[in-house]
Amino acid sequence: MIIRVVLALALSAPPVMTPSQAAPGPCPVPMPARTSCGFLEVPERRDAPERKIRVGYAVRLSTAANRKPDPVVYMSGGPASASMQLTAFLSRMFPDRDVVTVEQRGSRYSQPALACPETAQAMLGRLRPRPAAPADGLAAAANRCRDRLREQGIDLRGYNTKEIAADVVALREKLGYAKWNLFGVSYSTRVMVDVAAADPEGVRSVVLDSYLPESVGWYDDFDRNLADAMARLGVREPFEAMVARLNRTPARVAVLDPLLGREFTARMSGDDVATILAEALQDAEVTAVAPALVSALARGNDELLRPLADAAGEGLASHEFGLYHAVQCQDEVPFNTFTTKSRLFTINGDKEVCDAWQLPKAKPVNATTKAPVYVLGGRYDPTTPLRTAEPAAKALPSARFDQFRTSHAVFLASDCARQKIAAFVADPAATFITPCSTSTLPSPFRAADLHVTAAPYAISRSPWLAAPFALFALASLAQLVTAALRGRALAAYGGLAGVAFAGLIAESVNTMASRNETALAVGLPGTTGLYTWLAVASAVLTAAALFHERRWPHIAAAVISGGFLVWWFTWLL
C-alpha cells in the first residue's frame, strides 16, 4: 500500500479512440507523445446494468517501423493502485507495440473514485497515543464512508475482481484490437488470469509479476510471509528483538498527518513497526537497506522510526480505500480464517472494515488459461512470496516461472526482468528466454556501507538544518584561497583539508543516493567516519594558524571550524 502516486485530477471525456486513429485527449498525468486518455463506460453491476460508471484508460501508439499489431495492456495492483503513470515506462519496455494502461473501476482516474478518507484517518489513528473511542474507531469510520458513498448512488457490490476483469475484456472490444498481451502485477495478476479465461480468443500472452493466486489465504499467511522475508534478509532475530522491545516500551515519534496537514506524536509499538515494514518491504530499495535498518532499530536507534511513520501516512493517503476494501471484503477476506490474531494492524483493520460492511462473498472463479504465461517472483517479497507464487504458476497449463533477487513488483526494480518480459512477449511460444545481458538491482547494504543516523532524513525535510555544513565548506574554501594568496601555509592546509572533507562527503552522499536514495533515510555512507578526520585536521590546522597569527580571518575560521565539529559530532553523527 505504500506507493507514491501523483495527485488525482478529474478526467474529462475525450473523443472515442481507436488503435489506428487516436485523437489527443486530456490525461491526468504527464504522458509520452502519441498518447490519448479516455473513459470506458460500463455498468456498475452487470447483473443490474442501469447505472453506468466510467473506467479510465490511456493508449500510447507505437511509432516503430516494425510496430506489432497486438499491444500490451497493463493494470497496477493494490487493489486501488493507479496505472496511467507507468505509460511512458512501459512504452520504453515495448517500443514496437502500443501500450494500453487501464485503471480499476473506482480508482482515482476512474469515475466515480471511491476515496474513503474516513477509514484512512481512523487507520492512522492507530498510531495516536490515545486509543480512539468506538464512535471514532475504524468500524464507525467505515460505516460513515459506506453511507456517504451510498448517498452518491454507489453500490459497493459492483467493485470486485469479476467486474474489473470484465472491464478489461470490454476495453479490448472498444479499442478494436484483435488480440493483446496482458500484464498484471500483484493484485491485478488475479484480474489478468480472469481476463485470459473469459476472453481466450483475444489474449496472445500473459505476464504475471508478483502472482497472487486465488487459492492463497493472503491474510492468514501474511505474518508468516513477513517472518520468512526477514529470515531471507538475515535479520529474523534482530527483527523479533526489535518488535519485543518496542512492544514493551513503545516509541514516541513525530509524524506528519498527510490528511490533516499537521504533525502529531505517534505511539509506535513493535507490532506497529512490523506492520509498516511489511508494507515498506514491497519496495526493492527498502529491501536493500532493511538489514541495516532492522539491526539499528534492534539496537535502539528509534530516531529511524520517523521515515517509517511518515511513509505510513503517505501510504494511507495514496489509495481509494473505498475501492480497496470493496474488493478485499468480497474477494479476499471471506476466504481466510483469521483463527490466529495477526500482529499487523492493517490485517486486523481490513477484517474490521469488512465485518462492518457485510458485503457478499464472491463466488470462487478458479480461472485458468491456455495462453502462454510468464510468472515472475521476488526472493524477498513478503506480499506474494515464492512459496505460494511458484506452485500456483506451475499449475497453469502453459506457464514458466522465474525468480529474481528483489522484492515485490519485480519489473520496476530489475532491468533483467524487463528484458525477459520483453523477450517473452516478443515470442511467447519460445521454450527458452535469453539470459539477461545486464542486470542491475539495488544491492543489499552491509553494516560497513552505512553510518546509521537520522540526520539526512531530517535535512531532506528541513534543508536549513544543513546550514552548518554549507557554512563550513564556504569558510574552508575562502580560507584556502586567501591563505594561499598570502603564503600562510598552516591556514592554507587547514582550508584544503576542510574543502577536501566537504567534497568527499558530498560525492559519497551523491553516489549512495544514485545507488539507492532510500538509504539516506537510514544513514550516511560508511566512509563518513573516515572522512571526518579531515574535518578534525582542518580544525587543528586552523587553530595552529590562529596560535601563530591572531588575525580576524583566522579567528573566524577557527570559530566556524569548532562550531561545525560540535554540530557534526553531537547532532549529525
Protein backbone atom coordinates (compact mmCIF):
# COMPACT_ATOMS: atom_id res chain seq x y z
CA MET A 1 0.00 0.00 0.00
CA ILE A 2 2.96 2.28 0.47
CA ILE A 3 3.23 3.80 -3.03
CA ARG A 4 3.76 7.28 -4.40
CA VAL A 5 1.23 8.46 -6.94
CA VAL A 6 0.53 11.83 -8.49
CA LEU A 7 -2.36 13.90 -7.20
CA ALA A 8 -5.64 12.90 -8.83
CA LEU A 9 -7.16 15.29 -11.38
CA ALA A 10 -10.62 14.91 -12.87
CA LEU A 11 -10.61 13.30 -16.30
CA SER A 12 -12.86 14.88 -18.90
CA ALA A 13 -14.29 12.79 -21.71
CA PRO A 14 -12.16 12.66 -24.86
CA PRO A 15 -13.31 11.54 -28.28
CA VAL A 16 -13.73 7.82 -28.84
CA MET A 17 -10.30 6.39 -29.68
CA THR A 18 -9.29 3.56 -31.99
CA PRO A 19 -5.84 1.96 -32.39
CA SER A 20 -5.36 3.38 -35.85
CA GLN A 21 -6.53 6.93 -35.14
CA ALA A 22 -6.02 8.25 -31.59
CA ALA A 23 -7.16 11.83 -31.26
CA PRO A 24 -5.40 13.74 -28.46
CA GLY A 25 -7.31 13.55 -25.22
CA PRO A 26 -6.70 15.04 -21.78
CA CYS A 27 -4.65 12.92 -19.39
CA PRO A 28 -4.37 13.30 -15.62
CA VAL A 29 -0.60 12.68 -15.56
CA PRO A 30 2.31 13.56 -17.88
CA MET A 31 2.32 11.22 -20.86
CA PRO A 32 4.65 10.45 -23.79
CA ALA A 33 3.83 11.73 -27.26
CA ARG A 34 1.04 9.97 -29.20
CA THR A 35 -0.84 9.12 -26.01
CA SER A 36 -4.55 9.68 -25.52
CA CYS A 37 -6.68 9.09 -22.46
CA GLY A 38 -10.31 8.22 -22.31
CA PHE A 39 -13.12 6.53 -20.44
CA LEU A 40 -14.83 3.20 -20.96
CA GLU A 41 -18.48 3.40 -19.94
CA VAL A 42 -19.67 0.20 -18.26
CA PRO A 43 -22.46 -0.92 -15.95
CA GLU A 44 -21.63 -0.57 -12.27
CA ARG A 45 -23.13 -4.04 -11.88
CA ARG A 46 -23.58 -6.17 -14.95
CA ASP A 47 -26.45 -8.02 -13.28
CA ALA A 48 -28.20 -4.65 -12.78
CA PRO A 49 -26.93 -2.60 -15.74
CA GLU A 50 -28.99 0.58 -15.35
CA ARG A 51 -26.36 2.65 -13.52
CA LYS A 52 -23.23 3.43 -15.55
CA ILE A 53 -19.71 4.27 -14.39
CA ARG A 54 -16.56 5.22 -16.30
CA VAL A 55 -13.22 3.41 -16.26
CA GLY A 56 -10.14 5.45 -17.12
CA TYR A 57 -7.54 4.26 -19.61
CA ALA A 58 -4.66 5.53 -21.76
CA VAL A 59 -3.31 4.35 -25.12
CA ARG A 60 0.18 5.16 -26.35
CA LEU A 61 0.61 4.40 -30.04
CA SER A 62 3.97 2.97 -31.07
CA THR A 63 5.97 4.85 -33.70
CA ALA A 64 8.25 1.91 -34.51
CA ALA A 65 8.64 0.95 -38.16
CA ASN A 66 8.10 -2.69 -37.16
CA ARG A 67 5.07 -1.94 -34.96
CA LYS A 68 3.30 -5.14 -33.93
CA PRO A 69 -0.50 -5.36 -34.15
CA ASP A 70 -1.05 -6.71 -30.63
CA PRO A 71 -0.44 -4.21 -27.79
CA VAL A 72 0.44 -4.71 -24.15
CA VAL A 73 -2.36 -3.86 -21.71
CA TYR A 74 -1.23 -3.17 -18.16
CA MET A 75 -3.03 -2.76 -14.84
CA SER A 76 -1.42 -1.99 -11.46
CA GLY A 77 -2.20 -3.89 -8.27
CA GLY A 78 -3.42 -2.76 -4.88
CA PRO A 79 -6.34 -3.15 -5.13
CA ALA A 80 -6.81 0.56 -5.97
CA SER A 81 -3.35 1.39 -7.31
CA ALA A 82 -3.20 3.75 -10.30
CA SER A 83 -1.82 2.58 -13.64
CA MET A 84 -1.56 5.51 -16.07
CA GLN A 85 1.60 7.00 -14.56
CA LEU A 86 3.54 3.99 -15.89
CA THR A 87 2.61 4.52 -19.54
CA ALA A 88 5.95 6.05 -20.54
CA PHE A 89 7.91 3.43 -18.56
CA LEU A 90 6.06 0.60 -20.28
CA SER A 91 6.40 2.23 -23.70
CA ARG A 92 10.18 2.04 -23.28
CA MET A 93 9.85 -1.66 -22.44
CA PHE A 94 7.74 -2.33 -25.53
CA PRO A 95 8.76 0.24 -28.17
CA ASP A 96 7.33 -1.82 -31.04
CA ARG A 97 3.85 -2.20 -29.53
CA ASP A 98 1.04 0.07 -28.48
CA VAL A 99 0.73 0.27 -24.71
CA VAL A 100 -2.66 0.43 -23.00
CA THR A 101 -2.84 1.26 -19.30
CA VAL A 102 -6.22 0.62 -17.75
CA GLU A 103 -7.42 1.79 -14.36
CA GLN A 104 -9.52 -0.21 -11.96
CA ARG A 105 -13.11 0.92 -11.64
CA GLY A 106 -13.43 3.16 -8.59
CA SER A 107 -9.75 4.19 -8.60
CA ARG A 108 -8.60 7.80 -8.76
CA TYR A 109 -8.52 8.08 -12.55
CA SER A 110 -11.94 6.48 -12.99
CA GLN A 111 -15.35 7.96 -12.23
CA PRO A 112 -16.53 7.77 -9.56
CA ALA A 113 -13.39 7.48 -7.44
CA LEU A 114 -14.13 5.63 -4.22
CA ALA A 115 -11.99 7.66 -1.83
CA CYS A 116 -12.54 6.81 1.81
CA PRO A 117 -10.62 9.34 3.94
CA GLU A 118 -12.69 8.29 6.95
CA THR A 119 -11.05 4.87 7.15
CA ALA A 120 -7.61 6.21 6.23
CA GLN A 121 -7.79 8.69 9.09
CA ALA A 122 -9.01 6.03 11.51
CA MET A 123 -6.19 3.69 10.44
CA LEU A 124 -3.62 6.43 11.01
CA GLY A 125 -5.27 6.99 14.38
CA ARG A 126 -3.93 3.55 15.32
CA LEU A 127 -0.62 5.35 15.92
CA ARG A 128 -2.06 8.08 18.11
CA PRO A 129 -1.16 7.93 21.82
CA ARG A 130 -4.74 7.50 23.00
CA PRO A 131 -6.94 4.73 21.59
CA ALA A 132 -9.96 6.01 19.69
CA ALA A 133 -13.41 5.78 21.24
CA PRO A 134 -15.78 3.34 19.50
CA ALA A 135 -17.54 6.24 17.78
CA ASP A 136 -14.20 7.27 16.26
CA GLY A 137 -12.90 3.76 15.59
CA LEU A 138 -12.33 2.03 12.29
CA ALA A 139 -15.70 0.26 12.07
CA ALA A 140 -17.58 3.51 12.68
CA ALA A 141 -15.38 5.31 10.14
CA ALA A 142 -16.02 2.56 7.59
CA ASN A 143 -19.76 2.89 8.07
CA ARG A 144 -19.57 6.67 7.61
CA CYS A 145 -17.68 6.13 4.35
CA ARG A 146 -20.14 3.47 3.16
CA ASP A 147 -23.11 5.70 3.96
CA ARG A 148 -21.56 8.68 2.16
CA LEU A 149 -20.84 6.58 -0.94
CA ARG A 150 -24.34 5.15 -0.81
CA GLU A 151 -25.80 8.65 -0.77
CA GLN A 152 -23.88 9.26 -4.03
CA GLY A 153 -25.65 6.28 -5.54
CA ILE A 154 -22.61 3.99 -5.39
CA ASP A 155 -23.24 0.28 -4.95
CA LEU A 156 -20.11 -1.27 -3.44
CA ARG A 157 -21.17 -4.71 -4.65
CA GLY A 158 -20.15 -3.66 -8.16
CA TYR A 159 -16.50 -3.18 -7.25
CA ASN A 160 -14.89 -6.60 -7.33
CA THR A 161 -12.43 -8.66 -9.37
CA LYS A 162 -15.06 -10.20 -11.63
CA GLU A 163 -16.35 -6.80 -12.74
CA ILE A 164 -12.83 -5.34 -13.12
CA ALA A 165 -11.86 -8.26 -15.36
CA ALA A 166 -15.00 -7.76 -17.45
CA ASP A 167 -13.99 -4.10 -17.90
CA VAL A 168 -10.67 -5.17 -19.44
CA VAL A 169 -12.44 -7.50 -21.89
CA ALA A 170 -14.85 -4.69 -22.82
CA LEU A 171 -11.96 -2.29 -23.38
CA ARG A 172 -10.32 -4.58 -25.94
CA GLU A 173 -13.60 -4.74 -27.82
CA LYS A 174 -14.00 -0.97 -27.71
CA LEU A 175 -10.47 -0.26 -28.93
CA GLY A 176 -10.77 -2.81 -31.70
CA TYR A 177 -7.65 -4.88 -31.06
CA ALA A 178 -8.00 -8.48 -32.28
CA LYS A 179 -5.54 -9.73 -29.64
CA TRP A 180 -3.38 -8.23 -26.95
CA ASN A 181 -0.85 -9.21 -24.28
CA LEU A 182 -1.96 -8.99 -20.66
CA PHE A 183 0.40 -7.61 -17.99
CA GLY A 184 -0.63 -7.67 -14.32
CA VAL A 185 1.27 -7.09 -11.10
CA SER A 186 0.31 -8.19 -7.59
CA TYR A 187 -3.50 -7.96 -7.16
CA SER A 188 -4.06 -7.37 -10.88
CA THR A 189 -2.49 -10.76 -11.67
CA ARG A 190 -5.80 -12.19 -10.46
CA VAL A 191 -7.63 -9.81 -12.78
CA MET A 192 -5.50 -10.78 -15.77
CA VAL A 193 -5.92 -14.53 -15.20
CA ASP A 194 -9.68 -13.95 -15.12
CA VAL A 195 -9.46 -11.88 -18.32
CA ALA A 196 -7.49 -14.61 -20.08
CA ALA A 197 -10.09 -17.21 -19.03
CA ALA A 198 -13.04 -15.04 -20.08
CA ASP A 199 -11.57 -13.83 -23.40
CA PRO A 200 -9.30 -16.64 -24.70
CA GLU A 201 -9.56 -15.57 -28.35
CA GLY A 202 -8.40 -12.07 -27.51
CA VAL A 203 -5.33 -12.97 -25.45
CA ARG A 204 -1.95 -13.69 -27.05
CA SER A 205 0.18 -13.93 -23.86
CA VAL A 206 0.04 -13.18 -20.14
CA VAL A 207 2.70 -11.69 -17.83
CA LEU A 208 2.09 -12.12 -14.09
CA ASP A 209 4.54 -10.20 -11.90
CA SER A 210 4.28 -10.99 -8.16
CA TYR A 211 1.50 -13.51 -8.71
CA LEU A 212 -1.36 -13.58 -6.19
CA PRO A 213 -3.31 -16.76 -6.95
CA GLU A 214 -6.94 -17.02 -5.94
CA SER A 215 -6.24 -20.13 -3.87
CA VAL A 216 -3.98 -18.28 -1.39
CA GLY A 217 -5.26 -17.16 2.02
CA TRP A 218 -3.42 -13.86 1.90
CA TYR A 219 -4.44 -12.59 5.33
CA ASP A 220 -3.84 -15.92 7.08
CA ASP A 221 -0.38 -16.16 5.53
CA PHE A 222 0.90 -12.63 5.95
CA ASP A 223 2.57 -12.88 9.37
CA ARG A 224 4.44 -15.97 8.21
CA ASN A 225 5.36 -14.28 4.93
CA LEU A 226 6.85 -11.32 6.78
CA ALA A 227 8.86 -13.59 9.10
CA ASP A 228 10.12 -15.56 6.09
CA ALA A 229 11.19 -12.35 4.33
CA MET A 230 13.13 -11.24 7.41
CA ALA A 231 14.81 -14.63 7.59
CA ARG A 232 15.83 -14.42 3.92
CA LEU A 233 17.30 -10.99 4.61
CA GLY A 234 19.27 -12.47 7.54
CA VAL A 235 17.63 -10.33 10.25
CA ARG A 236 14.94 -12.60 11.71
CA GLU A 237 16.40 -12.47 15.25
CA PRO A 238 17.06 -8.68 15.28
CA PHE A 239 13.56 -8.16 13.88
CA GLU A 240 11.92 -10.18 16.66
CA ALA A 241 14.12 -8.45 19.25
CA MET A 242 13.08 -5.03 17.92
CA VAL A 243 9.38 -5.98 17.97
CA ALA A 244 9.61 -7.32 21.51
CA ARG A 245 11.48 -4.25 22.79
CA LEU A 246 9.04 -1.75 21.29
CA ASN A 247 6.03 -3.78 22.41
CA ARG A 248 7.34 -3.46 25.96
CA THR A 249 8.16 0.23 25.63
CA PRO A 250 6.57 1.89 22.57
CA ALA A 251 8.48 4.76 20.99
CA ARG A 252 7.15 8.30 20.63
CA VAL A 253 7.70 9.60 17.12
CA ALA A 254 6.80 12.89 15.46
CA VAL A 255 4.86 12.17 12.27
CA LEU A 256 3.06 14.25 9.67
CA ASP A 257 -0.63 13.55 9.20
CA PRO A 258 -1.00 13.92 5.40
CA LEU A 259 -4.78 14.11 5.63
CA LEU A 260 -4.85 16.98 8.10
CA GLY A 261 -1.51 18.55 7.14
CA ARG A 262 -0.13 18.78 10.67
CA GLU A 263 2.25 16.84 12.88
CA PHE A 264 1.33 14.71 15.85
CA THR A 265 3.29 12.48 18.19
CA ALA A 266 2.73 8.85 17.28
CA ARG A 267 2.98 5.97 19.69
CA MET A 268 4.68 3.11 17.84
CA SER A 269 4.76 -0.38 19.27
CA GLY A 270 6.80 -3.21 17.85
CA ASP A 271 3.73 -4.59 16.10
CA ASP A 272 3.09 -1.17 14.55
CA VAL A 273 6.64 -1.05 13.20
CA ALA A 274 6.29 -4.62 11.88
CA THR A 275 3.12 -3.57 10.05
CA ILE A 276 4.80 -0.60 8.40
CA LEU A 277 7.88 -2.64 7.49
CA ALA A 278 5.67 -5.30 5.92
CA GLU A 279 4.28 -2.68 3.56
CA ALA A 280 7.61 -0.91 3.00
CA LEU A 281 9.42 -4.12 2.01
CA GLN A 282 7.43 -4.17 -1.21
CA ASP A 283 9.93 -1.55 -2.42
CA ALA A 284 13.24 -3.04 -3.61
CA GLU A 285 15.21 -0.05 -2.31
CA VAL A 286 13.74 -0.54 1.17
CA THR A 287 14.56 -4.24 0.96
CA ALA A 288 18.19 -3.38 0.21
CA VAL A 289 18.54 -1.25 3.37
CA ALA A 290 16.27 -3.39 5.57
CA PRO A 291 19.12 -5.40 7.19
CA ALA A 292 20.86 -2.19 8.31
CA LEU A 293 17.57 -0.58 9.34
CA VAL A 294 16.26 -3.52 11.33
CA SER A 295 19.60 -4.09 13.05
CA ALA A 296 19.79 -0.42 14.03
CA LEU A 297 16.23 -0.47 15.40
CA ALA A 298 17.06 -3.60 17.37
CA ARG A 299 19.95 -1.66 18.97
CA GLY A 300 17.56 1.11 19.99
CA ASN A 301 18.09 3.70 17.22
CA ASP A 302 14.47 4.81 17.42
CA GLU A 303 15.14 8.07 15.57
CA LEU A 304 14.97 5.96 12.39
CA LEU A 305 11.26 5.41 13.03
CA ARG A 306 10.37 8.87 11.68
CA PRO A 307 10.74 7.99 7.98
CA LEU A 308 8.77 4.78 8.55
CA ALA A 309 5.97 6.66 10.28
CA ASP A 310 5.86 9.29 7.54
CA ALA A 311 5.77 6.56 4.90
CA ALA A 312 2.77 5.01 6.63
CA GLY A 313 0.93 8.30 6.46
CA GLU A 314 1.78 8.79 2.79
CA GLY A 315 0.58 5.27 2.01
CA LEU A 316 -2.75 5.88 3.70
CA ALA A 317 -3.22 8.99 1.58
CA SER A 318 -2.37 7.23 -1.70
CA HIS A 319 -5.28 4.82 -2.09
CA GLU A 320 -9.01 4.99 -2.75
CA PHE A 321 -9.84 2.87 0.26
CA GLY A 322 -13.49 2.56 -0.69
CA LEU A 323 -12.38 0.53 -3.71
CA TYR A 324 -9.64 -1.29 -1.82
CA HIS A 325 -11.99 -2.53 0.87
CA ALA A 326 -14.86 -3.27 -1.53
CA VAL A 327 -12.58 -5.70 -3.39
CA GLN A 328 -10.97 -7.18 -0.29
CA CYS A 329 -14.27 -7.63 1.51
CA GLN A 330 -15.77 -9.59 -1.39
CA ASP A 331 -12.80 -11.41 -2.91
CA GLU A 332 -10.23 -11.95 -0.15
CA VAL A 333 -11.34 -11.55 3.48
CA PRO A 334 -14.17 -14.16 3.29
CA PHE A 335 -11.70 -16.82 2.12
CA ASN A 336 -9.45 -16.50 5.19
CA THR A 337 -9.99 -18.00 8.63
CA PHE A 338 -8.41 -15.34 10.90
CA THR A 339 -8.08 -18.10 13.50
CA THR A 340 -4.84 -16.57 14.78
CA LYS A 341 -4.90 -12.85 15.50
CA SER A 342 -2.32 -11.05 13.40
CA ARG A 343 0.29 -8.72 14.89
CA LEU A 344 -0.28 -6.40 11.90
CA PHE A 345 -2.86 -3.67 12.39
CA THR A 346 -3.62 -3.45 8.67
CA ILE A 347 -4.70 -7.11 8.62
CA ASN A 348 -6.95 -6.64 11.65
CA GLY A 349 -8.20 -3.33 10.28
CA ASP A 350 -9.31 -4.84 6.97
CA LYS A 351 -11.23 -7.53 8.85
CA GLU A 352 -12.90 -4.86 10.99
CA VAL A 353 -14.00 -2.88 7.94
CA CYS A 354 -15.36 -5.97 6.23
CA ASP A 355 -17.26 -7.04 9.34
CA ALA A 356 -18.90 -3.61 9.33
CA TRP A 357 -19.72 -3.52 5.62
CA GLN A 358 -21.10 -7.07 5.31
CA LEU A 359 -20.64 -7.26 1.54
CA PRO A 360 -21.50 -10.55 -0.18
CA LYS A 361 -18.83 -13.18 -0.59
CA ALA A 362 -17.70 -13.58 -4.19
CA LYS A 363 -18.08 -16.91 -5.91
CA PRO A 364 -14.71 -18.60 -6.47
CA VAL A 365 -13.72 -18.47 -10.14
CA ASN A 366 -10.74 -20.84 -10.23
CA ALA A 367 -9.85 -19.30 -13.57
CA THR A 368 -7.06 -20.61 -15.73
CA THR A 369 -5.75 -20.01 -19.23
CA LYS A 370 -4.14 -21.95 -22.06
CA ALA A 371 -2.32 -18.84 -23.32
CA PRO A 372 1.44 -18.73 -22.70
CA VAL A 373 2.14 -17.27 -19.26
CA TYR A 374 5.32 -15.83 -17.78
CA VAL A 375 5.33 -15.54 -13.97
CA LEU A 376 7.94 -13.52 -12.04
CA GLY A 377 8.59 -13.58 -8.30
CA GLY A 378 10.86 -11.70 -5.91
CA ARG A 379 13.00 -13.60 -3.42
CA TYR A 380 12.35 -11.10 -0.61
CA ASP A 381 8.69 -10.39 -1.39
CA PRO A 382 6.58 -10.52 1.80
CA THR A 383 3.28 -9.99 -0.07
CA THR A 384 3.29 -12.57 -2.86
CA PRO A 385 6.13 -14.88 -1.77
CA LEU A 386 7.79 -17.55 -3.87
CA ARG A 387 6.36 -20.17 -1.51
CA THR A 388 2.85 -19.61 -2.91
CA ALA A 389 3.51 -17.98 -6.29
CA GLU A 390 5.75 -20.68 -7.76
CA PRO A 391 3.44 -23.70 -7.20
CA ALA A 392 0.46 -21.69 -8.45
CA ALA A 393 2.41 -20.74 -11.58
CA LYS A 394 3.33 -24.37 -12.24
CA ALA A 395 -0.37 -25.27 -12.02
CA LEU A 396 -1.14 -23.07 -15.02
CA PRO A 397 -1.09 -25.17 -18.24
CA SER A 398 1.37 -23.08 -20.27
CA ALA A 399 3.36 -21.15 -17.67
CA ARG A 400 7.03 -20.68 -16.87
CA PHE A 401 8.38 -19.20 -13.64
CA ASP A 402 11.41 -17.02 -12.86
CA GLN A 403 12.61 -15.67 -9.54
CA PHE A 404 14.72 -12.56 -9.03
CA ARG A 405 16.80 -11.23 -6.16
CA THR A 406 14.41 -8.40 -5.38
CA SER A 407 11.05 -7.85 -3.73
CA HIS A 408 7.53 -7.02 -4.91
CA ALA A 409 6.70 -5.71 -8.42
CA VAL A 410 9.85 -7.20 -9.92
CA PHE A 411 9.74 -5.34 -13.24
CA LEU A 412 10.01 -1.94 -11.53
CA ALA A 413 13.35 -2.81 -9.91
CA SER A 414 15.05 -5.24 -12.27
CA ASP A 415 16.22 -4.39 -15.77
CA CYS A 416 16.86 -8.13 -16.22
CA ALA A 417 13.18 -8.80 -15.52
CA ARG A 418 12.19 -6.13 -18.02
CA GLN A 419 14.44 -7.71 -20.67
CA LYS A 420 12.95 -11.14 -20.04
CA ILE A 421 9.38 -9.85 -20.10
CA ALA A 422 10.01 -8.09 -23.41
CA ALA A 423 11.61 -11.26 -24.85
CA PHE A 424 8.65 -13.37 -23.73
CA VAL A 425 6.09 -11.00 -25.24
CA ALA A 426 8.10 -10.93 -28.47
CA ASP A 427 7.87 -14.73 -28.74
CA PRO A 428 5.56 -16.32 -26.15
CA ALA A 429 5.90 -19.75 -27.75
CA ALA A 430 9.68 -19.88 -27.35
CA THR A 431 10.83 -22.59 -24.96
CA PHE A 432 13.79 -20.55 -23.75
CA ILE A 433 14.15 -16.92 -22.68
CA THR A 434 17.57 -15.47 -23.45
CA PRO A 435 19.59 -14.68 -20.30
CA CYS A 436 19.96 -11.01 -19.45
CA SER A 437 22.84 -9.07 -20.96
CA THR A 438 22.91 -6.81 -17.90
CA SER A 439 21.29 -6.85 -14.51
CA THR A 440 21.22 -4.01 -12.03
CA LEU A 441 19.34 -4.33 -8.77
CA PRO A 442 19.54 -2.32 -5.55
CA SER A 443 22.26 -4.37 -3.85
CA PRO A 444 21.93 -5.03 -0.11
CA PHE A 445 23.83 -2.71 2.21
CA ARG A 446 26.33 -4.32 4.57
CA ALA A 447 26.93 -2.94 8.06
CA ALA A 448 30.09 -1.18 6.83
CA ASP A 449 28.18 0.51 3.99
CA LEU A 450 26.14 2.77 6.27
CA HIS A 451 26.77 5.02 9.23
CA VAL A 452 23.34 4.93 10.86
CA THR A 453 21.89 8.35 11.64
CA ALA A 454 18.53 10.06 11.18
CA ALA A 455 20.13 13.39 10.26
CA PRO A 456 19.97 13.03 6.44
CA TYR A 457 16.23 12.37 6.59
CA ALA A 458 15.73 15.37 8.87
CA ILE A 459 17.73 17.53 6.43
CA SER A 460 15.65 16.26 3.49
CA ARG A 461 12.55 17.57 5.25
CA SER A 462 14.16 20.81 6.50
CA PRO A 463 17.15 21.72 4.29
CA TRP A 464 18.13 24.65 6.53
CA LEU A 465 19.43 22.08 9.03
CA ALA A 466 22.42 21.59 6.70
CA ALA A 467 23.46 25.25 7.11
CA PRO A 468 26.46 24.43 9.39
CA PHE A 469 27.88 22.09 6.73
CA ALA A 470 27.42 24.70 3.98
CA LEU A 471 28.98 27.42 6.16
CA PHE A 472 31.99 25.22 6.99
CA ALA A 473 32.52 24.34 3.30
CA LEU A 474 32.38 28.00 2.23
CA ALA A 475 34.62 29.13 5.08
CA SER A 476 37.16 26.42 4.23
CA LEU A 477 37.21 27.46 0.59
CA ALA A 478 37.66 31.12 1.49
CA GLN A 479 40.41 30.19 3.96
CA LEU A 480 42.22 28.10 1.33
CA VAL A 481 42.15 30.87 -1.28
CA THR A 482 43.10 33.78 0.96
CA ALA A 483 45.81 31.89 2.87
CA ALA A 484 47.36 30.54 -0.33
CA LEU A 485 47.49 34.02 -1.83
CA ARG A 486 49.18 35.39 1.30
CA GLY A 487 51.61 32.49 1.67
CA ARG A 488 50.26 31.26 5.05
CA ALA A 489 50.83 27.51 4.81
CA LEU A 490 49.11 26.32 8.01
CA ALA A 491 45.91 28.19 7.25
CA ALA A 492 46.01 27.09 3.60
CA TYR A 493 46.39 23.44 4.56
CA GLY A 494 43.56 23.85 7.08
CA GLY A 495 41.31 25.24 4.34
CA LEU A 496 42.39 22.50 1.93
CA ALA A 497 41.53 19.77 4.46
CA GLY A 498 38.09 21.35 5.01
CA VAL A 499 37.40 21.61 1.28
CA ALA A 500 38.51 18.00 0.73
CA PHE A 501 36.24 16.84 3.56
CA ALA A 502 33.20 18.70 2.21
CA GLY A 503 33.83 17.47 -1.33
CA LEU A 504 34.30 13.84 -0.33
CA ILE A 505 31.18 13.86 1.85
CA ALA A 506 29.11 15.44 -0.93
CA GLU A 507 30.44 13.00 -3.52
CA SER A 508 29.85 9.92 -1.34
CA VAL A 509 26.32 11.01 -0.46
CA ASN A 510 25.54 11.63 -4.11
CA THR A 511 26.94 8.22 -5.07
CA MET A 512 24.87 6.46 -2.40
CA ALA A 513 21.73 8.35 -3.42
CA SER A 514 22.22 7.34 -7.06
CA ARG A 515 22.62 3.73 -5.93
CA ASN A 516 19.67 3.78 -3.53
CA GLU A 517 18.03 7.03 -2.46
CA THR A 518 16.12 5.30 0.33
CA ALA A 519 19.42 4.56 2.10
CA LEU A 520 19.63 8.23 3.11
CA ALA A 521 16.62 7.64 5.36
CA VAL A 522 18.81 5.23 7.35
CA GLY A 523 22.16 6.99 7.42
CA LEU A 524 25.24 8.32 5.69
CA PRO A 525 27.84 6.40 3.67
CA GLY A 526 30.09 4.20 5.78
CA THR A 527 33.12 6.25 4.74
CA THR A 528 31.75 9.25 6.67
CA GLY A 529 33.72 8.38 9.81
CA LEU A 530 36.97 8.18 7.88
CA TYR A 531 36.38 11.48 6.10
CA THR A 532 35.56 13.13 9.43
CA TRP A 533 39.26 13.03 10.29
CA LEU A 534 39.82 15.56 7.51
CA ALA A 535 37.41 17.96 9.24
CA VAL A 536 39.28 17.40 12.52
CA ALA A 537 42.60 18.03 10.77
CA SER A 538 41.17 21.21 9.25
CA ALA A 539 40.15 22.48 12.68
CA VAL A 540 43.53 21.60 14.22
CA LEU A 541 45.49 23.32 11.43
CA THR A 542 43.22 26.35 11.61
CA ALA A 543 43.75 26.57 15.38
CA ALA A 544 47.52 26.28 14.88
CA ALA A 545 47.43 29.12 12.35
CA LEU A 546 45.48 31.22 14.85
CA PHE A 547 48.10 30.50 17.54
CA HIS A 548 50.85 31.83 15.26
CA GLU A 549 48.91 34.83 13.95
CA ARG A 550 45.81 36.12 15.69
CA ARG A 551 44.13 37.90 12.85
CA TRP A 552 40.37 38.13 12.41
CA PRO A 553 40.20 35.74 9.39
CA HIS A 554 41.92 33.06 11.47
CA ILE A 555 39.62 33.77 14.43
CA ALA A 556 36.52 33.49 12.22
CA ALA A 557 37.78 30.28 10.60
CA ALA A 558 38.60 28.75 13.98
CA VAL A 559 35.19 29.63 15.43
CA ILE A 560 33.39 28.19 12.38
CA SER A 561 35.52 25.01 12.43
CA GLY A 562 34.97 24.45 16.13
CA GLY A 563 31.23 25.10 15.92
CA PHE A 564 30.93 22.80 12.94
CA LEU A 565 32.67 19.92 14.75
CA VAL A 566 30.36 20.31 17.73
CA TRP A 567 27.34 20.16 15.36
CA TRP A 568 28.83 17.27 13.38
CA PHE A 569 29.62 15.04 16.37
CA THR A 570 26.66 15.86 18.60
CA TRP A 571 23.82 16.03 16.07
CA LEU A 572 24.69 14.63 12.68
CA LEU A 573 26.79 11.64 13.72
